[in-house]
Amino acid sequence: DRLQKSFQIQRSFVANASHELRTPLTVMNGQIEVALMKTRTPDEYRRLLALLTDEIKNMTALANALLDMAQADSDATALRMRKVR
């Protein structure tokens, strides 16, 4: 029963992580598609690139957090400890 519950928790985690990664990709794809519908001014392209950069930073942070969680699960000595209030 515990093993089955563990597998279910893992499946749920993978589904949630997948959703969290797909959302910014969908946003970026939509922004790019709209930008390609017509010619834009250089300022509009700069704004789009800034938005895409922010989405990429968010995805990178999420991927790093997922990697940290995976490493913590496999090797507790690899955790970066820091003081918190």
PDB file of N, CA and C in Angstrom:
ATOM      1  N   ASP A   1       0.832  -1.192   0.000  1.00  0.00           N
ATOM      2  CA  ASP A   1       0.000   0.000   0.000  1.00  0.00           C
ATOM      3  C   ASP A   1       0.880   1.261   0.000  1.00  0.00           C
ATOM      4  N   ARG A   2       1.946   1.263   0.819  1.00  0.00           N
ATOM      5  CA  ARG A   2       2.850   2.421   0.854  1.00  0.00           C
ATOM      6  C   ARG A   2       3.569   2.596  -0.469  1.00  0.00           C
ATOM      7  N   LEU A   3       3.952   1.499  -1.097  1.00  0.00           N
ATOM      8  CA  LEU A   3       4.636   1.569  -2.383  1.00  0.00           C
ATOM      9  C   LEU A   3       3.699   2.146  -3.450  1.00  0.00           C
ATOM     10  N   GLN A   4       2.462   1.695  -3.437  1.00  0.00           N
ATOM     11  CA  GLN A   4       1.476   2.206  -4.391  1.00  0.00           C
ATOM     12  C   GLN A   4       1.256   3.700  -4.190  1.00  0.00           C
ATOM     13  N   LYS A   5       1.167   4.125  -2.939  1.00  0.00           N
ATOM     14  CA  LYS A   5       0.977   5.547  -2.638  1.00  0.00           C
ATOM     15  C   LYS A   5       2.186   6.350  -3.100  1.00  0.00           C
ATOM     16  N   SER A   6       3.370   5.807  -2.932  1.00  0.00           N
ATOM     17  CA  SER A   6       4.593   6.478  -3.366  1.00  0.00           C
ATOM     18  C   SER A   6       4.595   6.685  -4.877  1.00  0.00           C
ATOM     19  N   PHE A   7       4.181   5.650  -5.626  1.00  0.00           N
ATOM     20  CA  PHE A   7       4.103   5.776  -7.085  1.00  0.00           C
ATOM     21  C   PHE A   7       3.066   6.816  -7.496  1.00  0.00           C
ATOM     22  N   GLN A   8       1.964   6.865  -6.802  1.00  0.00           N
ATOM     23  CA  GLN A   8       0.925   7.834  -7.119  1.00  0.00           C
ATOM     24  C   GLN A   8       1.410   9.261  -6.851  1.00  0.00           C
ATOM     25  N   ILE A   9       2.126   9.456  -5.760  1.00  0.00           N
ATOM     26  CA  ILE A   9       2.676  10.774  -5.444  1.00  0.00           C
ATOM     27  C   ILE A   9       3.672  11.192  -6.524  1.00  0.00           C
ATOM     28  N   GLN A  10       4.491  10.251  -6.961  1.00  0.00           N
ATOM     29  CA  GLN A  10       5.471  10.546  -8.005  1.00  0.00           C
ATOM     30  C   GLN A  10       4.777  10.921  -9.308  1.00  0.00           C
ATOM     31  N   ARG A  11       3.746  10.182  -9.694  1.00  0.00           N
ATOM     32  CA  ARG A  11       3.002  10.498 -10.924  1.00  0.00           C
ATOM     33  C   ARG A  11       2.372  11.886 -10.826  1.00  0.00           C
ATOM     34  N   SER A  12       1.817  12.200  -9.681  1.00  0.00           N
ATOM     35  CA  SER A  12       1.196  13.506  -9.470  1.00  0.00           C
ATOM     36  C   SER A  12       2.240  14.619  -9.572  1.00  0.00           C
ATOM     37  N   PHE A  13       3.391  14.405  -8.974  1.00  0.00           N
ATOM     38  CA  PHE A  13       4.459  15.395  -9.033  1.00  0.00           C
ATOM     39  C   PHE A  13       4.907  15.626 -10.470  1.00  0.00           C
ATOM     40  N   VAL A  14       5.108  14.559 -11.217  1.00  0.00           N
ATOM     41  CA  VAL A  14       5.546  14.684 -12.609  1.00  0.00           C
ATOM     42  C   VAL A  14       4.493  15.426 -13.430  1.00  0.00           C
ATOM     43  N   ALA A  15       3.219  15.128 -13.204  1.00  0.00           N
ATOM     44  CA  ALA A  15       2.149  15.817 -13.930  1.00  0.00           C
ATOM     45  C   ALA A  15       2.141  17.302 -13.594  1.00  0.00           C
ATOM     46  N   ASN A  16       2.290  17.645 -12.316  1.00  0.00           N
ATOM     47  CA  ASN A  16       2.313  19.048 -11.908  1.00  0.00           C
ATOM     48  C   ASN A  16       3.537  19.775 -12.471  1.00  0.00           C
ATOM     49  N   ALA A  17       4.691  19.142 -12.423  1.00  0.00           N
ATOM     50  CA  ALA A  17       5.910  19.748 -12.959  1.00  0.00           C
ATOM     51  C   ALA A  17       5.776  19.962 -14.461  1.00  0.00           C
ATOM     52  N   SER A  18       5.212  18.990 -15.152  1.00  0.00           N
ATOM     53  CA  SER A  18       4.999  19.119 -16.584  1.00  0.00           C
ATOM     54  C   SER A  18       4.095  20.294 -16.899  1.00  0.00           C
ATOM     55  N   HIS A  19       3.028  20.433 -16.130  1.00  0.00           N
ATOM     56  CA  HIS A  19       2.109  21.551 -16.337  1.00  0.00           C
ATOM     57  C   HIS A  19       2.820  22.882 -16.103  1.00  0.00           C
ATOM     58  N   GLU A  20       3.618  22.958 -15.051  1.00  0.00           N
ATOM     59  CA  GLU A  20       4.337  24.189 -14.737  1.00  0.00           C
ATOM     60  C   GLU A  20       5.322  24.567 -15.835  1.00  0.00           C
ATOM     61  N   LEU A  21       5.892  23.594 -16.515  1.00  0.00           N
ATOM     62  CA  LEU A  21       6.816  23.872 -17.617  1.00  0.00           C
ATOM     63  C   LEU A  21       6.061  24.210 -18.903  1.00  0.00           C
ATOM     64  N   ARG A  22       4.926  23.593 -19.125  1.00  0.00           N
ATOM     65  CA  ARG A  22       4.167  23.836 -20.353  1.00  0.00           C
ATOM     66  C   ARG A  22       3.530  25.217 -20.378  1.00  0.00           C
ATOM     67  N   THR A  23       3.124  25.729 -19.238  1.00  0.00           N
ATOM     68  CA  THR A  23       2.445  27.028 -19.201  1.00  0.00           C
ATOM     69  C   THR A  23       3.311  28.153 -19.770  1.00  0.00           C
ATOM     70  N   PRO A  24       4.554  28.346 -19.304  1.00  0.00           N
ATOM     71  CA  PRO A  24       5.358  29.423 -19.898  1.00  0.00           C
ATOM     72  C   PRO A  24       5.684  29.166 -21.371  1.00  0.00           C
ATOM     73  N   LEU A  25       5.825  27.905 -21.750  1.00  0.00           N
ATOM     74  CA  LEU A  25       6.071  27.610 -23.166  1.00  0.00           C
ATOM     75  C   LEU A  25       4.881  28.014 -24.023  1.00  0.00           C
ATOM     76  N   THR A  26       3.679  27.769 -23.534  1.00  0.00           N
ATOM     77  CA  THR A  26       2.472  28.158 -24.252  1.00  0.00           C
ATOM     78  C   THR A  26       2.383  29.676 -24.369  1.00  0.00           C
ATOM     79  N   VAL A  27       2.708  30.377 -23.284  1.00  0.00           N
ATOM     80  CA  VAL A  27       2.695  31.844 -23.294  1.00  0.00           C
ATOM     81  C   VAL A  27       3.692  32.371 -24.323  1.00  0.00           C
ATOM     82  N   MET A  28       4.902  31.838 -24.299  1.00  0.00           N
ATOM     83  CA  MET A  28       5.925  32.295 -25.235  1.00  0.00           C
ATOM     84  C   MET A  28       5.521  32.012 -26.677  1.00  0.00           C
ATOM     85  N   ASN A  29       4.989  30.834 -26.925  1.00  0.00           N
ATOM     86  CA  ASN A  29       4.566  30.480 -28.278  1.00  0.00           C
ATOM     87  C   ASN A  29       3.472  31.434 -28.761  1.00  0.00           C
ATOM     88  N   GLY A  30       2.510  31.738 -27.907  1.00  0.00           N
ATOM     89  CA  GLY A  30       1.445  32.653 -28.280  1.00  0.00           C
ATOM     90  C   GLY A  30       1.968  34.047 -28.588  1.00  0.00           C
ATOM     91  N   GLN A  31       2.889  34.534 -27.768  1.00  0.00           N
ATOM     92  CA  GLN A  31       3.462  35.860 -27.995  1.00  0.00           C
ATOM     93  C   GLN A  31       4.213  35.917 -29.323  1.00  0.00           C
ATOM     94  N   ILE A  32       4.954  34.873 -29.615  1.00  0.00           N
ATOM     95  CA  ILE A  32       5.713  34.833 -30.873  1.00  0.00           C
ATOM     96  C   ILE A  32       4.760  34.776 -32.070  1.00  0.00           C
ATOM     97  N   GLU A  33       3.726  33.942 -31.984  1.00  0.00           N
ATOM     98  CA  GLU A  33       2.775  33.833 -33.083  1.00  0.00           C
ATOM     99  C   GLU A  33       2.091  35.161 -33.364  1.00  0.00           C
ATOM    100  N   VAL A  34       1.683  35.874 -32.305  1.00  0.00           N
ATOM    101  CA  VAL A  34       1.041  37.187 -32.490  1.00  0.00           C
ATOM    102  C   VAL A  34       2.030  38.171 -33.104  1.00  0.00           C
ATOM    103  N   ALA A  35       3.270  38.156 -32.645  1.00  0.00           N
ATOM    104  CA  ALA A  35       4.280  39.080 -33.170  1.00  0.00           C
ATOM    105  C   ALA A  35       4.542  38.838 -34.652  1.00  0.00           C
ATOM    106  N   LEU A  36       4.424  37.596 -35.089  1.00  0.00           N
ATOM    107  CA  LEU A  36       4.697  37.269 -36.493  1.00  0.00           C
ATOM    108  C   LEU A  36       3.515  37.555 -37.420  1.00  0.00           C
ATOM    109  N   MET A  37       2.372  37.904 -36.872  1.00  0.00           N
ATOM    110  CA  MET A  37       1.192  38.146 -37.704  1.00  0.00           C
ATOM    111  C   MET A  37       1.331  39.400 -38.563  1.00  0.00           C
ATOM    112  N   LYS A  38       2.100  40.366 -38.095  1.00  0.00           N
ATOM    113  CA  LYS A  38       2.323  41.585 -38.880  1.00  0.00           C
ATOM    114  C   LYS A  38       3.666  42.179 -38.498  1.00  0.00           C
ATOM    115  N   THR A  39       4.139  43.087 -39.312  1.00  0.00           N
ATOM    116  CA  THR A  39       5.403  43.757 -39.037  1.00  0.00           C
ATOM    117  C   THR A  39       5.227  44.686 -37.842  1.00  0.00           C
ATOM    118  N   ARG A  40       6.187  44.674 -36.958  1.00  0.00           N
ATOM    119  CA  ARG A  40       6.142  45.473 -35.732  1.00  0.00           C
ATOM    120  C   ARG A  40       7.257  46.517 -35.749  1.00  0.00           C
ATOM    121  N   THR A  41       7.131  47.474 -34.868  1.00  0.00           N
ATOM    122  CA  THR A  41       8.200  48.476 -34.719  1.00  0.00           C
ATOM    123  C   THR A  41       9.335  47.854 -33.904  1.00  0.00           C
ATOM    124  N   PRO A  42      10.521  48.443 -34.023  1.00  0.00           N
ATOM    125  CA  PRO A  42      11.631  47.927 -33.204  1.00  0.00           C
ATOM    126  C   PRO A  42      11.312  47.930 -31.709  1.00  0.00           C
ATOM    127  N   ASP A  43      10.598  48.957 -31.224  1.00  0.00           N
ATOM    128  CA  ASP A  43      10.234  49.004 -29.806  1.00  0.00           C
ATOM    129  C   ASP A  43       9.309  47.854 -29.428  1.00  0.00           C
ATOM    130  N   GLU A  44       8.371  47.529 -30.305  1.00  0.00           N
ATOM    131  CA  GLU A  44       7.462  46.409 -30.030  1.00  0.00           C
ATOM    132  C   GLU A  44       8.228  45.096 -29.976  1.00  0.00           C
ATOM    133  N   TYR A  45       9.209  44.929 -30.884  1.00  0.00           N
ATOM    134  CA  TYR A  45      10.026  43.715 -30.856  1.00  0.00           C
ATOM    135  C   TYR A  45      10.866  43.659 -29.575  1.00  0.00           C
ATOM    136  N   ARG A  46      11.391  44.805 -29.148  1.00  0.00           N
ATOM    137  CA  ARG A  46      12.170  44.839 -27.896  1.00  0.00           C
ATOM    138  C   ARG A  46      11.294  44.435 -26.703  1.00  0.00           C
ATOM    139  N   ARG A  47      10.061  44.956 -26.677  1.00  0.00           N
ATOM    140  CA  ARG A  47       9.137  44.614 -25.599  1.00  0.00           C
ATOM    141  C   ARG A  47       8.847  43.111 -25.594  1.00  0.00           C
ATOM    142  N   LEU A  48       8.628  42.553 -26.771  1.00  0.00           N
ATOM    143  CA  LEU A  48       8.369  41.121 -26.879  1.00  0.00           C
ATOM    144  C   LEU A  48       9.570  40.311 -26.393  1.00  0.00           C
ATOM    145  N   LEU A  49      10.753  40.718 -26.821  1.00  0.00           N
ATOM    146  CA  LEU A  49      11.955  39.998 -26.395  1.00  0.00           C
ATOM    147  C   LEU A  49      12.163  40.099 -24.885  1.00  0.00           C
ATOM    148  N   ALA A  50      11.825  41.237 -24.301  1.00  0.00           N
ATOM    149  CA  ALA A  50      11.935  41.386 -22.842  1.00  0.00           C
ATOM    150  C   ALA A  50      10.963  40.448 -22.135  1.00  0.00           C
ATOM    151  N   LEU A  51       9.729  40.354 -22.656  1.00  0.00           N
ATOM    152  CA  LEU A  51       8.747  39.432 -22.066  1.00  0.00           C
ATOM    153  C   LEU A  51       9.217  37.983 -22.190  1.00  0.00           C
ATOM    154  N   LEU A  52       9.740  37.639 -23.355  1.00  0.00           N
ATOM    155  CA  LEU A  52      10.228  36.266 -23.558  1.00  0.00           C
ATOM    156  C   LEU A  52      11.406  35.964 -22.642  1.00  0.00           C
ATOM    157  N   THR A  53      12.277  36.954 -22.448  1.00  0.00           N
ATOM    158  CA  THR A  53      13.413  36.771 -21.537  1.00  0.00           C
ATOM    159  C   THR A  53      12.927  36.500 -20.118  1.00  0.00           C
ATOM    160  N   ASP A  54      11.904  37.232 -19.683  1.00  0.00           N
ATOM    161  CA  ASP A  54      11.351  36.996 -18.342  1.00  0.00           C
ATOM    162  C   ASP A  54      10.779  35.590 -18.220  1.00  0.00           C
ATOM    163  N   GLU A  55      10.066  35.131 -19.245  1.00  0.00           N
ATOM    164  CA  GLU A  55       9.506  33.779 -19.212  1.00  0.00           C
ATOM    165  C   GLU A  55      10.613  32.729 -19.162  1.00  0.00           C
ATOM    166  N   ILE A  56      11.676  32.953 -19.905  1.00  0.00           N
ATOM    167  CA  ILE A  56      12.802  32.013 -19.909  1.00  0.00           C
ATOM    168  C   ILE A  56      13.463  31.978 -18.534  1.00  0.00           C
ATOM    169  N   LYS A  57      13.595  33.145 -17.896  1.00  0.00           N
ATOM    170  CA  LYS A  57      14.175  33.186 -16.544  1.00  0.00           C
ATOM    171  C   LYS A  57      13.302  32.402 -15.565  1.00  0.00           C
ATOM    172  N   ASN A  58      11.990  32.546 -15.687  1.00  0.00           N
ATOM    173  CA  ASN A  58      11.079  31.794 -14.823  1.00  0.00           C
ATOM    174  C   ASN A  58      11.211  30.292 -15.057  1.00  0.00           C
ATOM    175  N   MET A  59      11.299  29.888 -16.317  1.00  0.00           N
ATOM    176  CA  MET A  59      11.455  28.462 -16.625  1.00  0.00           C
ATOM    177  C   MET A  59      12.784  27.931 -16.102  1.00  0.00           C
ATOM    178  N   THR A  60      13.824  28.717 -16.219  1.00  0.00           N
ATOM    179  CA  THR A  60      15.137  28.298 -15.729  1.00  0.00           C
ATOM    180  C   THR A  60      15.103  28.111 -14.214  1.00  0.00           C
ATOM    181  N   ALA A  61      14.460  29.046 -13.521  1.00  0.00           N
ATOM    182  CA  ALA A  61      14.340  28.924 -12.065  1.00  0.00           C
ATOM    183  C   ALA A  61      13.549  27.665 -11.693  1.00  0.00           C
ATOM    184  N   LEU A  62      12.484  27.402 -12.422  1.00  0.00           N
ATOM    185  CA  LEU A  62      11.685  26.209 -12.157  1.00  0.00           C
ATOM    186  C   LEU A  62      12.495  24.939 -12.430  1.00  0.00           C
ATOM    187  N   ALA A  63      13.211  24.911 -13.535  1.00  0.00           N
ATOM    188  CA  ALA A  63      14.038  23.745 -13.854  1.00  0.00           C
ATOM    189  C   ALA A  63      15.119  23.537 -12.801  1.00  0.00           C
ATOM    190  N   ASN A  64      15.721  24.618 -12.331  1.00  0.00           N
ATOM    191  CA  ASN A  64      16.741  24.513 -11.277  1.00  0.00           C
ATOM    192  C   ASN A  64      16.137  23.981  -9.976  1.00  0.00           C
ATOM    193  N   ALA A  65      14.942  24.442  -9.646  1.00  0.00           N
ATOM    194  CA  ALA A  65      14.274  23.957  -8.432  1.00  0.00           C
ATOM    195  C   ALA A  65      13.959  22.474  -8.552  1.00  0.00           C
ATOM    196  N   LEU A  66      13.501  22.055  -9.728  1.00  0.00           N
ATOM    197  CA  LEU A  66      13.218  20.629  -9.942  1.00  0.00           C
ATOM    198  C   LEU A  66      14.496  19.802  -9.830  1.00  0.00           C
ATOM    199  N   LEU A  67      15.583  20.315 -10.377  1.00  0.00           N
ATOM    200  CA  LEU A  67      16.864  19.610 -10.287  1.00  0.00           C
ATOM    201  C   LEU A  67      17.315  19.511  -8.833  1.00  0.00           C
ATOM    202  N   ASP A  68      17.169  20.599  -8.081  1.00  0.00           N
ATOM    203  CA  ASP A  68      17.528  20.578  -6.656  1.00  0.00           C
ATOM    204  C   ASP A  68      16.701  19.532  -5.907  1.00  0.00           C
ATOM    205  N   MET A  69      15.411  19.471  -6.223  1.00  0.00           N
ATOM    206  CA  MET A  69      14.544  18.481  -5.562  1.00  0.00           C
ATOM    207  C   MET A  69      14.977  17.064  -5.910  1.00  0.00           C
ATOM    208  N   ALA A  70      15.314  16.832  -7.161  1.00  0.00           N
ATOM    209  CA  ALA A  70      15.754  15.496  -7.576  1.00  0.00           C
ATOM    210  C   ALA A  70      17.057  15.116  -6.894  1.00  0.00           C
ATOM    211  N   GLN A  71      17.968  16.070  -6.784  1.00  0.00           N
ATOM    212  CA  GLN A  71      19.239  15.788  -6.122  1.00  0.00           C
ATOM    213  C   GLN A  71      19.033  15.548  -4.634  1.00  0.00           C
ATOM    214  N   ALA A  72      18.139  16.317  -4.033  1.00  0.00           N
ATOM    215  CA  ALA A  72      17.870  16.141  -2.605  1.00  0.00           C
ATOM    216  C   ALA A  72      17.265  14.771  -2.341  1.00  0.00           C
ATOM    217  N   ASP A  73      16.438  14.324  -3.272  1.00  0.00           N
ATOM    218  CA  ASP A  73      15.803  13.014  -3.124  1.00  0.00           C
ATOM    219  C   ASP A  73      16.818  11.886  -3.236  1.00  0.00           C
ATOM    220  N   SER A  74      17.845  12.088  -4.078  1.00  0.00           N
ATOM    221  CA  SER A  74      18.807  11.017  -4.293  1.00  0.00           C
ATOM    222  C   SER A  74      20.003  11.079  -3.345  1.00  0.00           C
ATOM    223  N   ASP A  75      20.352  12.304  -2.879  1.00  0.00           N
ATOM    224  CA  ASP A  75      21.529  12.444  -2.023  1.00  0.00           C
ATOM    225  C   ASP A  75      21.343  13.640  -1.089  1.00  0.00           C
ATOM    226  N   ALA A  76      20.979  13.386   0.126  1.00  0.00           N
ATOM    227  CA  ALA A  76      20.716  14.459   1.084  1.00  0.00           C
ATOM    228  C   ALA A  76      21.974  15.263   1.406  1.00  0.00           C
ATOM    229  N   THR A  77      23.158  14.711   1.193  1.00  0.00           N
ATOM    230  CA  THR A  77      24.390  15.441   1.493  1.00  0.00           C
ATOM    231  C   THR A  77      24.665  16.519   0.457  1.00  0.00           C
ATOM    232  N   ALA A  78      23.990  16.468  -0.688  1.00  0.00           N
ATOM    233  CA  ALA A  78      24.218  17.460  -1.747  1.00  0.00           C
ATOM    234  C   ALA A  78      23.401  18.731  -1.544  1.00  0.00           C
ATOM    235  N   LEU A  79      22.566  18.765  -0.517  1.00  0.00           N
ATOM    236  CA  LEU A  79      21.727  19.935  -0.286  1.00  0.00           C
ATOM    237  C   LEU A  79      22.572  21.137   0.115  1.00  0.00           C
ATOM    238  N   ARG A  80      22.182  22.296  -0.407  1.00  0.00           N
ATOM    239  CA  ARG A  80      22.829  23.538  -0.009  1.00  0.00           C
ATOM    240  C   ARG A  80      22.055  24.094   1.184  1.00  0.00           C
ATOM    241  N   MET A  81      22.657  24.043   2.344  1.00  0.00           N
ATOM    242  CA  MET A  81      21.991  24.523   3.551  1.00  0.00           C
ATOM    243  C   MET A  81      22.317  25.994   3.755  1.00  0.00           C
ATOM    244  N   ARG A  82      21.317  26.737   4.252  1.00  0.00           N
ATOM    245  CA  ARG A  82      21.547  28.127   4.608  1.00  0.00           C
ATOM    246  C   ARG A  82      20.622  28.468   5.756  1.00  0.00           C
ATOM    247  N   LYS A  83      21.037  29.470   6.531  1.00  0.00           N
ATOM    248  CA  LYS A  83      20.253  29.870   7.674  1.00  0.00           C
ATOM    249  C   LYS A  83      18.999  30.618   7.216  1.00  0.00           C
ATOM    250  N   VAL A  84      17.910  30.373   7.913  1.00  0.00           N
ATOM    251  CA  VAL A  84      16.663  31.093   7.669  1.00  0.00           C
ATOM    252  C   VAL A  84      16.133  31.605   9.000  1.00  0.00           C
ATOM    253  N   ARG A  85      15.300  32.594   8.929  1.00  0.00           N
ATOM    254  CA  ARG A  85      14.720  33.114  10.167  1.00  0.00           C
ATOM    255  C   ARG A  85      13.729  32.143  10.725  1.00  0.00           C
TER     256      ARG A  85
END
